[in-house]
Amino acid sequence: MTLRFIGIDPNTGQGESPTVWVDESSKELIIQGWKPDPELEAECAAFEMPGHAVGIPDDEAVVRIPARMVPIVRKACDAAESAGLR
């Protein structure tokens, strides 16, 4: 695994640190964020649309990151694209 650090929440403190990386070997974005409150997680789990199973599979998770991290996520997308991750 080759993780490339992209950025961290600019308002992070000592205890919280939403972070974005690009895994250049697996060609994936890696996002660390906050766990959602139970109501939000339940709403996500109930989401229905064609091609999307209801529920959250055991090997997946819902995370939250602040909107102020949009530039960091964009930078990660650009880095992933430039590394051939499409």
Protein backbone atom coordinates (compact mmCIF):
# COMPACT_ATOMS: atom_id res chain seq x y z
CA MET A 1 0.00 0.00 0.00
CA THR A 2 1.31 3.42 -0.97
CA LEU A 3 -0.63 6.13 0.84
CA ARG A 4 -0.20 9.69 -0.33
CA PHE A 5 -1.33 12.23 2.28
CA ILE A 6 -3.53 14.88 0.67
CA GLY A 7 -4.85 16.95 3.54
CA ILE A 8 -6.39 17.24 6.97
CA ASP A 9 -9.32 19.29 8.24
CA PRO A 10 -7.86 22.80 8.59
CA ASN A 11 -9.79 23.30 11.83
CA THR A 12 -8.63 20.05 13.38
CA GLY A 13 -7.78 19.93 17.03
CA GLN A 14 -5.81 17.41 19.04
CA GLY A 15 -8.63 14.85 19.20
CA GLU A 16 -10.34 15.01 15.82
CA SER A 17 -8.69 14.77 12.46
CA PRO A 18 -10.78 14.13 9.35
CA THR A 19 -8.12 13.29 6.76
CA VAL A 20 -7.89 12.41 3.05
CA TRP A 21 -5.30 10.18 1.37
CA VAL A 22 -4.90 8.55 -2.03
CA ASP A 23 -3.81 4.91 -2.09
CA GLU A 24 -1.72 4.90 -5.24
CA SER A 25 -1.32 1.12 -5.34
CA SER A 26 -5.02 0.21 -5.05
CA LYS A 27 -6.17 3.34 -6.90
CA GLU A 28 -8.61 4.45 -4.16
CA LEU A 29 -9.40 7.53 -2.12
CA ILE A 30 -9.13 6.93 1.64
CA ILE A 31 -11.23 9.22 3.82
CA GLN A 32 -11.19 9.38 7.60
CA GLY A 33 -14.16 11.20 9.11
CA TRP A 34 -16.56 11.31 11.99
CA LYS A 35 -19.07 8.55 12.66
CA PRO A 36 -22.59 9.82 11.95
CA ASP A 37 -25.18 10.03 14.68
CA PRO A 38 -27.60 7.05 14.73
CA GLU A 39 -30.40 9.02 13.02
CA LEU A 40 -28.21 9.99 10.04
CA GLU A 41 -26.85 6.47 9.73
CA ALA A 42 -30.40 5.07 9.77
CA GLU A 43 -31.41 7.55 7.06
CA CYS A 44 -28.46 6.47 4.90
CA ALA A 45 -29.28 2.80 5.52
CA ALA A 46 -32.88 3.34 4.39
CA PHE A 47 -31.87 5.05 1.13
CA GLU A 48 -33.42 3.33 -1.89
CA MET A 49 -32.78 3.75 -5.60
CA PRO A 50 -32.34 1.39 -8.56
CA GLY A 51 -29.01 -0.40 -8.37
CA HIS A 52 -28.44 0.50 -4.72
CA ALA A 53 -29.25 -2.09 -2.08
CA VAL A 54 -31.05 -0.91 1.03
CA GLY A 55 -28.80 -0.93 4.08
CA ILE A 56 -25.11 -0.54 4.73
CA PRO A 57 -23.07 -3.70 4.05
CA ASP A 58 -20.94 -4.98 6.92
CA ASP A 59 -17.74 -4.12 5.07
CA GLU A 60 -18.77 -0.48 4.41
CA ALA A 61 -19.19 2.57 6.64
CA VAL A 62 -20.82 5.98 6.54
CA VAL A 63 -18.51 8.84 7.56
CA ARG A 64 -18.97 12.58 7.80
CA ILE A 65 -16.44 15.24 6.88
CA PRO A 66 -16.90 19.00 7.11
CA ALA A 67 -17.76 20.98 3.97
CA ARG A 68 -14.64 23.07 4.57
CA MET A 69 -12.70 20.00 3.37
CA VAL A 70 -14.15 20.20 -0.18
CA PRO A 71 -10.89 21.70 -1.53
CA ILE A 72 -8.94 18.80 0.01
CA VAL A 73 -11.29 16.23 -1.54
CA ARG A 74 -10.93 17.99 -4.91
CA LYS A 75 -7.16 17.85 -4.54
CA ALA A 76 -7.42 14.11 -3.79
CA CYS A 77 -9.57 13.60 -6.89
CA ASP A 78 -7.01 15.48 -9.00
CA ALA A 79 -4.17 13.42 -7.47
CA ALA A 80 -6.07 10.20 -8.11
CA GLU A 81 -6.71 11.19 -11.73
CA SER A 82 -3.09 12.15 -12.33
CA ALA A 83 -1.98 8.79 -10.91
CA GLY A 84 -4.17 7.04 -13.45
CA LEU A 85 -7.03 6.34 -11.03
CA ARG A 86 -10.21 6.56 -13.05
